[in-house]
Every structure is written in C-alpha cells, then in structure tokens.
C-alpha cells in the first residue's frame, strides 16, 4: 500500500500552526491522489518522496 505522512500540526517560530486549517487539507489530498496516479509531482529525498516545488496547489 502507498503510505503518506502529513504533519498538519507543525508550528512556526511564533507557535502558530503553519497549515491554515482543515478546509485546505484538500490541497494535500489532491497531491496524494496525483502521486498515486503516477504523476511527476515528487522529488526523491533521504526521507522519501517530497512534493516538487509548485506541485501543491497553493
């Protein structure tokens, strides 16, 4: 199975959440679906595959 890890609760230096909220989670879910469908949206890194710059619809 394909396994993805998302840290929705990461904090910035001011102790505020980096991710704006549940309404924007669809952006990451869209990236995951495109990745599962073998679109070229990820770069290889030592910790696994990471989103390519611009591949998440911000």
PDB file of N, CA and C in Angstrom:
ATOM      1  N   UNK A   1       0.832  -1.209   0.000  1.00  0.00           N
ATOM      2  CA  UNK A   1       0.000   0.000   0.000  1.00  0.00           C
ATOM      3  C   UNK A   1       0.866   1.259   0.000  1.00  0.00           C
ATOM      4  N   UNK A   2       0.345   2.294  -0.570  1.00  0.00           N
ATOM      5  CA  UNK A   2       1.018   3.596  -0.535  1.00  0.00           C
ATOM      6  C   UNK A   2       0.727   4.230   0.824  1.00  0.00           C
ATOM      7  N   UNK A   3       1.771   4.733   1.452  1.00  0.00           N
ATOM      8  CA  UNK A   3       1.631   5.346   2.773  1.00  0.00           C
ATOM      9  C   UNK A   3       2.166   6.765   2.706  1.00  0.00           C
ATOM     10  N   UNK A   4       1.415   7.708   3.252  1.00  0.00           N
ATOM     11  CA  UNK A   4       1.807   9.115   3.258  1.00  0.00           C
ATOM     12  C   UNK A   4       1.780   9.628   4.686  1.00  0.00           C
ATOM     13  N   UNK A   5       2.705  10.526   4.985  1.00  0.00           N
ATOM     14  CA  UNK A   5       2.755  11.157   6.310  1.00  0.00           C
ATOM     15  C   UNK A   5       2.585  12.660   6.124  1.00  0.00           C
ATOM     16  N   UNK A   6       1.644  13.233   6.835  1.00  0.00           N
ATOM     17  CA  UNK A   6       1.410  14.677   6.791  1.00  0.00           C
ATOM     18  C   UNK A   6       1.395  15.195   8.221  1.00  0.00           C
ATOM     19  N   UNK A   7       2.162  16.234   8.486  1.00  0.00           N
ATOM     20  CA  UNK A   7       2.160  16.859   9.808  1.00  0.00           C
ATOM     21  C   UNK A   7       1.275  18.105   9.739  1.00  0.00           C
ATOM     22  N   UNK A   8      -0.005  17.940  10.020  1.00  0.00           N
ATOM     23  CA  UNK A   8      -0.953  19.055   9.972  1.00  0.00           C
ATOM     24  C   UNK A   8      -0.712  20.034  11.121  1.00  0.00           C
ATOM     25  N   UNK A   9       0.013  19.618  12.139  1.00  0.00           N
ATOM     26  CA  UNK A   9       0.120  20.392  13.382  1.00  0.00           C
ATOM     27  C   UNK A   9       1.497  21.018  13.590  1.00  0.00           C
ATOM     28  N   UNK A  10       2.267  21.202  12.526  1.00  0.00           N
ATOM     29  CA  UNK A  10       3.587  21.821  12.630  1.00  0.00           C
ATOM     30  C   UNK A  10       3.429  23.293  12.999  1.00  0.00           C
ATOM     31  N   UNK A  11       4.293  23.764  13.903  1.00  0.00           N
ATOM     32  CA  UNK A  11       4.224  25.142  14.391  1.00  0.00           C
ATOM     33  C   UNK A  11       5.383  25.968  13.854  1.00  0.00           C
ATOM     34  N   UNK A  12       5.153  27.276  13.705  1.00  0.00           N
ATOM     35  CA  UNK A  12       6.223  28.182  13.296  1.00  0.00           C
ATOM     36  C   UNK A  12       6.929  28.737  14.526  1.00  0.00           C
ATOM     37  N   UNK A  13       7.838  29.691  14.317  1.00  0.00           N
ATOM     38  CA  UNK A  13       8.608  30.252  15.428  1.00  0.00           C
ATOM     39  C   UNK A  13       7.753  31.049  16.408  1.00  0.00           C
ATOM     40  N   UNK A  14       6.540  31.447  16.000  1.00  0.00           N
ATOM     41  CA  UNK A  14       5.613  32.174  16.872  1.00  0.00           C
ATOM     42  C   UNK A  14       4.581  31.250  17.514  1.00  0.00           C
ATOM     43  N   UNK A  15       4.814  29.951  17.395  1.00  0.00           N
ATOM     44  CA  UNK A  15       3.926  28.941  17.961  1.00  0.00           C
ATOM     45  C   UNK A  15       2.537  28.937  17.314  1.00  0.00           C
ATOM     46  N   UNK A  16       2.480  29.335  16.045  1.00  0.00           N
ATOM     47  CA  UNK A  16       1.237  29.308  15.263  1.00  0.00           C
ATOM     48  C   UNK A  16       1.314  28.148  14.276  1.00  0.00           C
ATOM     49  N   UNK A  17       0.168  27.568  13.968  1.00  0.00           N
ATOM     50  CA  UNK A  17       0.149  26.477  13.001  1.00  0.00           C
ATOM     51  C   UNK A  17       0.568  26.982  11.626  1.00  0.00           C
ATOM     52  N   UNK A  18       1.429  26.209  10.937  1.00  0.00           N
ATOM     53  CA  UNK A  18       1.852  26.569   9.584  1.00  0.00           C
ATOM     54  C   UNK A  18       0.730  26.341   8.575  1.00  0.00           C
ATOM     55  N   UNK A  19      -0.043  25.261   8.782  1.00  0.00           N
ATOM     56  CA  UNK A  19      -1.116  24.933   7.845  1.00  0.00           C
ATOM     57  C   UNK A  19      -2.376  25.668   8.273  1.00  0.00           C
ATOM     58  N   UNK A  20      -3.085  26.332   7.345  1.00  0.00           N
ATOM     59  CA  UNK A  20      -4.199  27.205   7.712  1.00  0.00           C
ATOM     60  C   UNK A  20      -5.439  26.523   8.280  1.00  0.00           C
ATOM     61  N   UNK A  21      -5.650  25.249   8.020  1.00  0.00           N
ATOM     62  CA  UNK A  21      -6.824  24.606   8.604  1.00  0.00           C
ATOM     63  C   UNK A  21      -7.392  23.501   7.746  1.00  0.00           C
ATOM     64  N   UNK A  22      -8.417  22.873   8.266  1.00  0.00           N
ATOM     65  CA  UNK A  22      -8.980  21.690   7.629  1.00  0.00           C
ATOM     66  C   UNK A  22      -9.529  21.961   6.236  1.00  0.00           C
ATOM     67  N   UNK A  23     -10.014  23.145   5.978  1.00  0.00           N
ATOM     68  CA  UNK A  23     -10.544  23.454   4.656  1.00  0.00           C
ATOM     69  C   UNK A  23      -9.500  23.375   3.561  1.00  0.00           C
ATOM     70  N   UNK A  24      -8.232  23.549   3.917  1.00  0.00           N
ATOM     71  CA  UNK A  24      -7.156  23.500   2.933  1.00  0.00           C
ATOM     72  C   UNK A  24      -6.519  22.120   2.816  1.00  0.00           C
ATOM     73  N   UNK A  25      -6.966  21.160   3.596  1.00  0.00           N
ATOM     74  CA  UNK A  25      -6.397  19.812   3.526  1.00  0.00           C
ATOM     75  C   UNK A  25      -6.591  19.184   2.155  1.00  0.00           C
ATOM     76  N   UNK A  26      -7.625  19.598   1.426  1.00  0.00           N
ATOM     77  CA  UNK A  26      -7.891  19.039   0.104  1.00  0.00           C
ATOM     78  C   UNK A  26      -6.714  19.271  -0.829  1.00  0.00           C
ATOM     79  N   UNK A  27      -5.944  20.334  -0.605  1.00  0.00           N
ATOM     80  CA  UNK A  27      -4.776  20.611  -1.454  1.00  0.00           C
ATOM     81  C   UNK A  27      -3.751  19.488  -1.341  1.00  0.00           C
ATOM     82  N   UNK A  28      -3.505  19.027  -0.126  1.00  0.00           N
ATOM     83  CA  UNK A  28      -2.560  17.929   0.085  1.00  0.00           C
ATOM     84  C   UNK A  28      -3.163  16.615  -0.405  1.00  0.00           C
ATOM     85  N   UNK A  29      -4.438  16.410  -0.149  1.00  0.00           N
ATOM     86  CA  UNK A  29      -5.098  15.190  -0.618  1.00  0.00           C
ATOM     87  C   UNK A  29      -5.081  15.119  -2.142  1.00  0.00           C
ATOM     88  N   UNK A  30      -5.239  16.251  -2.814  1.00  0.00           N
ATOM     89  CA  UNK A  30      -5.145  16.305  -4.273  1.00  0.00           C
ATOM     90  C   UNK A  30      -3.753  15.865  -4.724  1.00  0.00           C
ATOM     91  N   UNK A  31      -2.704  16.351  -4.041  1.00  0.00           N
ATOM     92  CA  UNK A  31      -1.333  15.962  -4.383  1.00  0.00           C
ATOM     93  C   UNK A  31      -1.149  14.456  -4.195  1.00  0.00           C
ATOM     94  N   UNK A  32      -1.681  13.914  -3.096  1.00  0.00           N
ATOM     95  CA  UNK A  32      -1.558  12.478  -2.827  1.00  0.00           C
ATOM     96  C   UNK A  32      -2.234  11.671  -3.933  1.00  0.00           C
ATOM     97  N   UNK A  33      -3.411  12.079  -4.343  1.00  0.00           N
ATOM     98  CA  UNK A  33      -4.127  11.367  -5.413  1.00  0.00           C
ATOM     99  C   UNK A  33      -3.325  11.414  -6.705  1.00  0.00           C
ATOM    100  N   UNK A  34      -2.776  12.587  -7.032  1.00  0.00           N
ATOM    101  CA  UNK A  34      -1.965  12.694  -8.250  1.00  0.00           C
ATOM    102  C   UNK A  34      -0.703  11.838  -8.144  1.00  0.00           C
ATOM    103  N   UNK A  35      -0.107  11.759  -6.968  1.00  0.00           N
ATOM    104  CA  UNK A  35       1.085  10.922  -6.758  1.00  0.00           C
ATOM    105  C   UNK A  35       0.734   9.448  -6.944  1.00  0.00           C
ATOM    106  N   UNK A  36      -0.400   9.010  -6.386  1.00  0.00           N
ATOM    107  CA  UNK A  36      -0.837   7.617  -6.531  1.00  0.00           C
ATOM    108  C   UNK A  36      -1.107   7.292  -8.001  1.00  0.00           C
ATOM    109  N   UNK A  37      -1.539   8.289  -8.764  1.00  0.00           N
ATOM    110  CA  UNK A  37      -1.803   8.107 -10.193  1.00  0.00           C
ATOM    111  C   UNK A  37      -0.548   8.282 -11.039  1.00  0.00           C
ATOM    112  N   UNK A  38       0.625   8.246 -10.389  1.00  0.00           N
ATOM    113  CA  UNK A  38       1.930   8.281 -11.056  1.00  0.00           C
ATOM    114  C   UNK A  38       2.246   9.577 -11.786  1.00  0.00           C
ATOM    115  N   UNK A  39       1.624  10.682 -11.392  1.00  0.00           N
ATOM    116  CA  UNK A  39       2.035  11.972 -11.950  1.00  0.00           C
ATOM    117  C   UNK A  39       3.395  12.342 -11.373  1.00  0.00           C
ATOM    118  N   UNK A  40       4.168  13.097 -12.129  1.00  0.00           N
ATOM    119  CA  UNK A  40       5.517  13.502 -11.713  1.00  0.00           C
ATOM    120  C   UNK A  40       5.420  14.724 -10.805  1.00  0.00           C
ATOM    121  N   UNK A  41       5.048  14.506  -9.538  1.00  0.00           N
ATOM    122  CA  UNK A  41       4.836  15.607  -8.593  1.00  0.00           C
ATOM    123  C   UNK A  41       5.732  15.502  -7.364  1.00  0.00           C
ATOM    124  N   UNK A  42       6.700  14.561  -7.384  1.00  0.00           N
ATOM    125  CA  UNK A  42       7.525  14.338  -6.198  1.00  0.00           C
ATOM    126  C   UNK A  42       9.006  14.285  -6.549  1.00  0.00           C
ATOM    127  N   UNK A  43       9.824  14.740  -5.602  1.00  0.00           N
ATOM    128  CA  UNK A  43      11.275  14.633  -5.688  1.00  0.00           C
ATOM    129  C   UNK A  43      11.743  13.617  -4.654  1.00  0.00           C
ATOM    130  N   UNK A  44      12.790  12.891  -4.999  1.00  0.00           N
ATOM    131  CA  UNK A  44      13.372  11.917  -4.078  1.00  0.00           C
ATOM    132  C   UNK A  44      14.237  12.648  -3.057  1.00  0.00           C
ATOM    133  N   UNK A  45      14.108  12.249  -1.792  1.00  0.00           N
ATOM    134  CA  UNK A  45      14.925  12.814  -0.716  1.00  0.00           C
ATOM    135  C   UNK A  45      15.358  11.670   0.204  1.00  0.00           C
ATOM    136  N   UNK A  46      16.268  11.929   1.140  1.00  0.00           N
ATOM    137  CA  UNK A  46      16.681  10.874   2.070  1.00  0.00           C
ATOM    138  C   UNK A  46      15.537  10.318   2.927  1.00  0.00           C
ATOM    139  N   UNK A  47      14.472  11.096   3.113  1.00  0.00           N
ATOM    140  CA  UNK A  47      13.349  10.631   3.934  1.00  0.00           C
ATOM    141  C   UNK A  47      12.188  10.098   3.107  1.00  0.00           C
ATOM    142  N   UNK A  48      12.348  10.056   1.798  1.00  0.00           N
ATOM    143  CA  UNK A  48      11.284   9.570   0.930  1.00  0.00           C
ATOM    144  C   UNK A  48      10.964  10.586  -0.150  1.00  0.00           C
ATOM    145  N   UNK A  49       9.770  10.511  -0.677  1.00  0.00           N
ATOM    146  CA  UNK A  49       9.345  11.424  -1.733  1.00  0.00           C
ATOM    147  C   UNK A  49       8.706  12.664  -1.125  1.00  0.00           C
ATOM    148  N   UNK A  50       9.138  13.831  -1.606  1.00  0.00           N
ATOM    149  CA  UNK A  50       8.598  15.110  -1.142  1.00  0.00           C
ATOM    150  C   UNK A  50       7.961  15.832  -2.317  1.00  0.00           C
ATOM    151  N   UNK A  51       6.940  16.667  -2.064  1.00  0.00           N
ATOM    152  CA  UNK A  51       6.310  17.403  -3.158  1.00  0.00           C
ATOM    153  C   UNK A  51       7.311  18.287  -3.896  1.00  0.00           C
ATOM    154  N   UNK A  52       7.227  18.261  -5.229  1.00  0.00           N
ATOM    155  CA  UNK A  52       8.035  19.174  -6.031  1.00  0.00           C
ATOM    156  C   UNK A  52       7.525  20.593  -5.825  1.00  0.00           C
ATOM    157  N   UNK A  53       8.418  21.551  -5.979  1.00  0.00           N
ATOM    158  CA  UNK A  53       8.031  22.950  -5.860  1.00  0.00           C
ATOM    159  C   UNK A  53       6.913  23.243  -6.861  1.00  0.00           C
ATOM    160  N   UNK A  54       5.836  23.811  -6.365  1.00  0.00           N
ATOM    161  CA  UNK A  54       4.700  24.153  -7.208  1.00  0.00           C
ATOM    162  C   UNK A  54       3.716  23.019  -7.451  1.00  0.00           C
ATOM    163  N   UNK A  55       3.981  21.824  -6.910  1.00  0.00           N
ATOM    164  CA  UNK A  55       3.079  20.701  -7.185  1.00  0.00           C
ATOM    165  C   UNK A  55       1.855  20.673  -6.271  1.00  0.00           C
ATOM    166  N   UNK A  56       1.899  21.420  -5.165  1.00  0.00           N
ATOM    167  CA  UNK A  56       0.714  21.558  -4.311  1.00  0.00           C
ATOM    168  C   UNK A  56       0.043  22.870  -4.672  1.00  0.00           C
ATOM    169  N   UNK A  57      -1.225  22.797  -4.977  1.00  0.00           N
ATOM    170  CA  UNK A  57      -1.975  23.970  -5.425  1.00  0.00           C
ATOM    171  C   UNK A  57      -2.187  24.943  -4.261  1.00  0.00           C
ATOM    172  N   UNK A  58      -1.273  25.915  -4.138  1.00  0.00           N
ATOM    173  CA  UNK A  58      -1.405  26.913  -3.085  1.00  0.00           C
ATOM    174  C   UNK A  58      -2.039  28.137  -3.669  1.00  0.00           C
TER     175      UNK A  58
END
